[in-house]
C-alpha cells in the first residue's frame, strides 16, 4: 500500500544537511549527545522517544524508535505502556484546556 510517507526515506535522514552541512553537524552532534547514556539509560531514552513519536505522530520516528527500543532490550509490553503514558498526558492536556473554554463561555455569558 502506498502512503504519503515512504519508510525508505528514513534511511535518507542523514542527507538532510546537504545544503546546510554546518547546521546539520550541530544538530546531529546534539542529537547524539542527547541519546547517549547519562542519568537515563539509552533504553529509557528510546522509550521516551517512542512515546513522544506517537504524540507528535511522526511515522519516521515511530519506525526508528520502535527499532531502537527493541535493539536496546525493551519488549512490546514496555513499549505499549510508554505509549499509554504519552496518550494519558496528551489526553489530559487536551481536557485541561476545557477550563479555558469554560472561562471564555462564562465571560461571554455574562
N, C-alpha and C. Protein backbone atom coordinates (compact mmCIF):
# COMPACT_ATOMS: atom_id res chain seq x y z
N UNK A 1 0.84 -1.17 0.00
CA UNK A 1 0.00 0.00 0.00
C UNK A 1 0.89 1.24 0.00
N UNK A 2 0.61 2.16 -0.88
CA UNK A 2 1.35 3.40 -0.92
C UNK A 2 0.83 4.36 0.13
N UNK A 3 1.74 5.10 0.72
CA UNK A 3 1.37 6.12 1.69
C UNK A 3 2.13 7.39 1.37
N UNK A 4 1.72 8.46 2.00
CA UNK A 4 2.41 9.73 1.82
C UNK A 4 3.85 9.62 2.31
N UNK A 5 4.04 8.89 3.39
CA UNK A 5 5.36 8.69 3.95
C UNK A 5 5.98 7.43 3.37
N UNK A 6 7.17 7.56 2.85
CA UNK A 6 7.89 6.40 2.32
C UNK A 6 8.86 5.93 3.39
N UNK A 7 8.67 4.75 3.95
CA UNK A 7 9.56 4.26 5.01
C UNK A 7 11.04 4.29 4.61
N UNK A 8 11.32 4.19 3.33
CA UNK A 8 12.72 4.22 2.88
C UNK A 8 13.34 5.60 3.05
N UNK A 9 12.51 6.62 3.17
CA UNK A 9 13.03 7.97 3.37
C UNK A 9 13.76 8.11 4.71
N UNK A 10 13.40 7.29 5.68
CA UNK A 10 14.07 7.35 6.97
C UNK A 10 15.56 7.12 6.81
N UNK A 11 15.94 6.24 5.90
CA UNK A 11 17.36 5.96 5.65
C UNK A 11 18.07 7.15 5.02
N UNK A 12 17.33 8.12 4.52
CA UNK A 12 17.91 9.30 3.88
C UNK A 12 18.07 10.47 4.86
N UNK A 13 17.70 10.27 6.11
CA UNK A 13 17.70 11.36 7.08
C UNK A 13 19.06 12.04 7.17
N UNK A 14 20.11 11.27 7.11
CA UNK A 14 21.45 11.86 7.25
C UNK A 14 21.78 12.83 6.12
N UNK A 15 21.06 12.78 5.02
CA UNK A 15 21.32 13.70 3.90
C UNK A 15 20.63 15.04 4.07
N UNK A 16 19.89 15.20 5.15
CA UNK A 16 19.11 16.42 5.35
C UNK A 16 20.00 17.66 5.40
N UNK A 17 21.27 17.47 5.70
CA UNK A 17 22.19 18.60 5.80
C UNK A 17 22.94 18.93 4.53
N UNK A 18 22.55 18.36 3.44
CA UNK A 18 23.26 18.58 2.18
C UNK A 18 23.46 20.07 1.89
N UNK A 19 22.43 20.86 2.06
CA UNK A 19 22.50 22.28 1.73
C UNK A 19 22.99 23.14 2.90
N UNK A 20 23.02 22.59 4.09
CA UNK A 20 23.48 23.33 5.27
C UNK A 20 24.28 22.39 6.17
N UNK A 21 25.45 21.96 5.71
CA UNK A 21 26.21 20.95 6.46
C UNK A 21 26.62 21.38 7.85
N UNK A 22 26.92 22.65 8.04
CA UNK A 22 27.32 23.12 9.37
C UNK A 22 26.20 23.00 10.38
N UNK A 23 25.01 23.38 9.97
CA UNK A 23 23.85 23.26 10.86
C UNK A 23 23.51 21.80 11.11
N UNK A 24 23.58 20.99 10.07
CA UNK A 24 23.28 19.56 10.23
C UNK A 24 24.26 18.93 11.21
N UNK A 25 25.54 19.27 11.10
CA UNK A 25 26.53 18.71 12.03
C UNK A 25 26.19 19.09 13.46
N UNK A 26 25.82 20.34 13.69
CA UNK A 26 25.45 20.77 15.04
C UNK A 26 24.25 19.98 15.54
N UNK A 27 23.26 19.81 14.68
CA UNK A 27 22.07 19.06 15.09
C UNK A 27 22.44 17.62 15.42
N UNK A 28 23.17 16.96 14.53
CA UNK A 28 23.49 15.55 14.75
C UNK A 28 24.43 15.36 15.94
N UNK A 29 25.32 16.31 16.20
CA UNK A 29 26.16 16.23 17.41
C UNK A 29 25.29 16.33 18.65
N UNK A 30 24.37 17.29 18.64
CA UNK A 30 23.45 17.45 19.76
C UNK A 30 22.58 16.21 19.94
N UNK A 31 22.02 15.74 18.85
CA UNK A 31 21.15 14.56 18.86
C UNK A 31 21.88 13.36 19.46
N UNK A 32 23.11 13.16 19.02
CA UNK A 32 23.91 12.05 19.54
C UNK A 32 24.17 12.19 21.03
N UNK A 33 24.45 13.41 21.47
CA UNK A 33 24.69 13.64 22.89
C UNK A 33 23.43 13.41 23.72
N UNK A 34 22.30 13.84 23.20
CA UNK A 34 21.03 13.67 23.92
C UNK A 34 20.74 12.19 24.15
N UNK A 35 20.99 11.36 23.15
CA UNK A 35 20.61 9.95 23.24
C UNK A 35 21.71 9.05 23.83
N UNK A 36 22.85 9.64 24.20
CA UNK A 36 23.89 8.87 24.87
C UNK A 36 23.46 8.61 26.31
N UNK A 37 23.93 7.52 26.87
CA UNK A 37 23.61 7.21 28.26
C UNK A 37 24.09 8.34 29.16
N UNK A 38 23.28 8.68 30.12
CA UNK A 38 23.60 9.71 31.11
C UNK A 38 22.87 9.35 32.38
N UNK A 39 22.10 10.28 32.91
CA UNK A 39 21.26 9.96 34.07
C UNK A 39 20.20 8.93 33.68
N UNK A 40 19.79 8.97 32.43
CA UNK A 40 18.88 7.95 31.88
C UNK A 40 19.69 7.04 30.96
N UNK A 41 19.30 5.79 30.91
CA UNK A 41 19.97 4.84 30.01
C UNK A 41 19.52 5.08 28.58
N UNK A 42 20.27 4.55 27.63
CA UNK A 42 19.86 4.65 26.22
C UNK A 42 18.50 3.98 26.02
N UNK A 43 18.26 2.90 26.74
CA UNK A 43 16.98 2.19 26.64
C UNK A 43 15.83 3.07 27.12
N UNK A 44 16.02 3.75 28.25
CA UNK A 44 14.97 4.64 28.77
C UNK A 44 14.72 5.80 27.82
N UNK A 45 15.79 6.34 27.27
CA UNK A 45 15.63 7.45 26.33
C UNK A 45 14.90 7.01 25.07
N UNK A 46 15.16 5.80 24.61
CA UNK A 46 14.46 5.29 23.43
C UNK A 46 12.97 5.12 23.72
N UNK A 47 12.62 4.67 24.92
CA UNK A 47 11.20 4.55 25.29
C UNK A 47 10.52 5.92 25.34
N UNK A 48 11.22 6.91 25.88
CA UNK A 48 10.67 8.26 25.90
C UNK A 48 10.46 8.75 24.47
N UNK A 49 11.47 8.54 23.63
CA UNK A 49 11.39 8.98 22.24
C UNK A 49 10.24 8.30 21.52
N UNK A 50 10.02 7.02 21.79
CA UNK A 50 8.91 6.30 21.16
C UNK A 50 7.57 6.90 21.57
N UNK A 51 7.44 7.21 22.85
CA UNK A 51 6.20 7.81 23.34
C UNK A 51 5.98 9.18 22.71
N UNK A 52 7.03 9.99 22.65
CA UNK A 52 6.91 11.32 22.03
C UNK A 52 6.59 11.19 20.56
N UNK A 53 7.20 10.22 19.89
CA UNK A 53 6.95 10.00 18.46
C UNK A 53 5.48 9.75 18.19
N UNK A 54 4.84 9.00 19.07
CA UNK A 54 3.41 8.77 18.91
C UNK A 54 2.62 10.04 19.18
N UNK A 55 3.05 10.82 20.15
CA UNK A 55 2.35 12.06 20.48
C UNK A 55 2.41 13.05 19.33
N UNK A 56 3.57 13.17 18.68
CA UNK A 56 3.69 14.10 17.56
C UNK A 56 3.31 13.45 16.24
N UNK A 57 2.99 12.16 16.29
CA UNK A 57 2.51 11.38 15.15
C UNK A 57 3.47 11.40 13.97
N UNK A 58 4.75 11.13 14.26
CA UNK A 58 5.77 11.08 13.22
C UNK A 58 6.05 9.63 12.85
N UNK A 59 5.60 9.19 11.68
CA UNK A 59 5.80 7.79 11.32
C UNK A 59 7.27 7.40 11.22
N UNK A 60 8.12 8.33 10.79
CA UNK A 60 9.55 8.02 10.72
C UNK A 60 10.11 7.77 12.11
N UNK A 61 9.72 8.63 13.05
CA UNK A 61 10.19 8.48 14.43
C UNK A 61 9.65 7.21 15.07
N UNK A 62 8.40 6.89 14.78
CA UNK A 62 7.81 5.66 15.31
C UNK A 62 8.59 4.46 14.81
N UNK A 63 8.89 4.45 13.52
CA UNK A 63 9.71 3.35 12.96
C UNK A 63 11.07 3.28 13.63
N UNK A 64 11.74 4.44 13.68
CA UNK A 64 13.11 4.47 14.21
C UNK A 64 13.17 4.07 15.68
N UNK A 65 12.24 4.57 16.48
CA UNK A 65 12.32 4.29 17.91
C UNK A 65 11.67 2.97 18.30
N UNK A 66 10.82 2.41 17.46
CA UNK A 66 10.39 1.03 17.69
C UNK A 66 11.60 0.11 17.55
N UNK A 67 12.35 0.33 16.48
CA UNK A 67 13.58 -0.46 16.27
C UNK A 67 14.58 -0.23 17.41
N UNK A 68 14.79 1.04 17.76
CA UNK A 68 15.75 1.36 18.82
C UNK A 68 15.37 0.71 20.14
N UNK A 69 14.08 0.77 20.47
CA UNK A 69 13.63 0.15 21.72
C UNK A 69 13.92 -1.35 21.74
N UNK A 70 13.58 -2.00 20.65
CA UNK A 70 13.82 -3.45 20.58
C UNK A 70 15.32 -3.76 20.65
N UNK A 71 16.13 -2.97 19.93
CA UNK A 71 17.57 -3.19 19.93
C UNK A 71 18.19 -2.95 21.31
N UNK A 72 17.59 -2.08 22.10
CA UNK A 72 18.14 -1.74 23.40
C UNK A 72 17.52 -2.58 24.53
N UNK A 73 16.71 -3.57 24.15
CA UNK A 73 16.22 -4.53 25.13
C UNK A 73 14.82 -4.33 25.65
N UNK A 74 14.09 -3.37 25.11
CA UNK A 74 12.70 -3.22 25.53
C UNK A 74 11.85 -4.28 24.84
N UNK A 75 10.71 -4.55 25.44
CA UNK A 75 9.79 -5.50 24.83
C UNK A 75 8.49 -4.77 24.47
N UNK A 76 7.65 -5.41 23.66
CA UNK A 76 6.41 -4.75 23.24
C UNK A 76 5.51 -4.31 24.39
N UNK A 77 5.51 -5.03 25.50
CA UNK A 77 4.67 -4.62 26.63
C UNK A 77 5.17 -3.31 27.22
N UNK A 78 6.47 -3.15 27.37
CA UNK A 78 7.03 -1.90 27.88
C UNK A 78 6.77 -0.76 26.90
N UNK A 79 6.94 -1.05 25.63
CA UNK A 79 6.73 -0.03 24.61
C UNK A 79 5.27 0.42 24.59
N UNK A 80 4.36 -0.52 24.74
CA UNK A 80 2.93 -0.20 24.77
C UNK A 80 2.60 0.63 26.01
N UNK A 81 3.20 0.29 27.14
CA UNK A 81 2.96 1.06 28.35
C UNK A 81 3.46 2.50 28.19
N UNK A 82 4.62 2.67 27.56
CA UNK A 82 5.15 4.01 27.30
C UNK A 82 4.17 4.80 26.42
N UNK A 83 3.61 4.14 25.43
CA UNK A 83 2.63 4.77 24.55
C UNK A 83 1.40 5.20 25.34
N UNK A 84 0.96 4.37 26.28
CA UNK A 84 -0.21 4.73 27.09
C UNK A 84 0.10 5.91 28.00
N UNK A 85 1.32 6.00 28.50
CA UNK A 85 1.69 7.17 29.31
C UNK A 85 1.57 8.43 28.47
N UNK A 86 2.11 8.39 27.25
CA UNK A 86 2.03 9.55 26.36
C UNK A 86 0.59 9.89 26.03
N UNK A 87 -0.22 8.87 25.81
CA UNK A 87 -1.63 9.08 25.49
C UNK A 87 -2.37 9.73 26.65
N UNK A 88 -2.08 9.28 27.86
CA UNK A 88 -2.73 9.86 29.05
C UNK A 88 -2.35 11.33 29.22
N UNK A 89 -1.08 11.64 29.01
CA UNK A 89 -0.64 13.03 29.13
C UNK A 89 -1.28 13.88 28.04
N UNK A 90 -1.28 13.36 26.81
CA UNK A 90 -1.86 14.11 25.69
C UNK A 90 -3.36 14.32 25.90
N UNK A 91 -4.04 13.28 26.36
CA UNK A 91 -5.47 13.40 26.62
C UNK A 91 -5.76 14.39 27.73
N UNK A 92 -4.98 14.33 28.80
CA UNK A 92 -5.15 15.26 29.91
C UNK A 92 -4.88 16.70 29.48
N UNK A 93 -3.85 16.88 28.64
CA UNK A 93 -3.53 18.22 28.16
C UNK A 93 -4.67 18.78 27.32
N UNK A 94 -5.33 17.93 26.56
CA UNK A 94 -6.48 18.39 25.79
C UNK A 94 -7.65 18.73 26.71
N UNK A 95 -7.90 17.86 27.67
CA UNK A 95 -9.03 18.08 28.58
C UNK A 95 -8.85 19.31 29.46
N UNK A 96 -7.65 19.57 29.93
CA UNK A 96 -7.45 20.71 30.82
C UNK A 96 -7.72 22.03 30.11
N UNK A 97 -7.64 22.03 28.79
CA UNK A 97 -7.98 23.25 28.05
C UNK A 97 -9.49 23.51 28.09
N UNK A 98 -10.25 22.56 28.58
CA UNK A 98 -11.67 22.79 28.80
C UNK A 98 -11.90 23.91 29.81
N UNK A 99 -10.95 24.10 30.72
CA UNK A 99 -11.05 25.21 31.67
C UNK A 99 -11.03 26.53 30.91
N UNK A 100 -10.14 26.63 29.92
CA UNK A 100 -10.08 27.83 29.08
C UNK A 100 -11.41 28.05 28.37
N UNK A 101 -11.97 26.97 27.83
CA UNK A 101 -13.26 27.06 27.14
C UNK A 101 -14.33 27.57 28.10
N UNK A 102 -14.37 27.02 29.31
CA UNK A 102 -15.37 27.45 30.27
C UNK A 102 -15.16 28.91 30.68
N UNK A 103 -13.91 29.32 30.85
CA UNK A 103 -13.63 30.73 31.21
C UNK A 103 -14.17 31.68 30.15
N UNK A 104 -13.95 31.35 28.89
CA UNK A 104 -14.45 32.19 27.79
C UNK A 104 -15.98 32.15 27.74
N UNK A 105 -16.54 30.95 27.86
CA UNK A 105 -18.01 30.81 27.82
C UNK A 105 -18.64 31.59 28.98
N UNK A 106 -18.04 31.51 30.18
CA UNK A 106 -18.58 32.26 31.33
C UNK A 106 -18.49 33.76 31.08
N UNK A 107 -17.38 34.21 30.52
CA UNK A 107 -17.18 35.63 30.25
C UNK A 107 -18.20 36.14 29.23
N UNK A 108 -18.42 35.34 28.19
CA UNK A 108 -19.35 35.75 27.14
C UNK A 108 -20.82 35.63 27.56
N UNK A 109 -21.08 34.80 28.55
CA UNK A 109 -22.45 34.58 29.02
C UNK A 109 -22.89 35.64 30.02
N UNK A 110 -21.99 36.46 30.47
CA UNK A 110 -22.33 37.47 31.49
C UNK A 110 -23.22 38.54 30.96
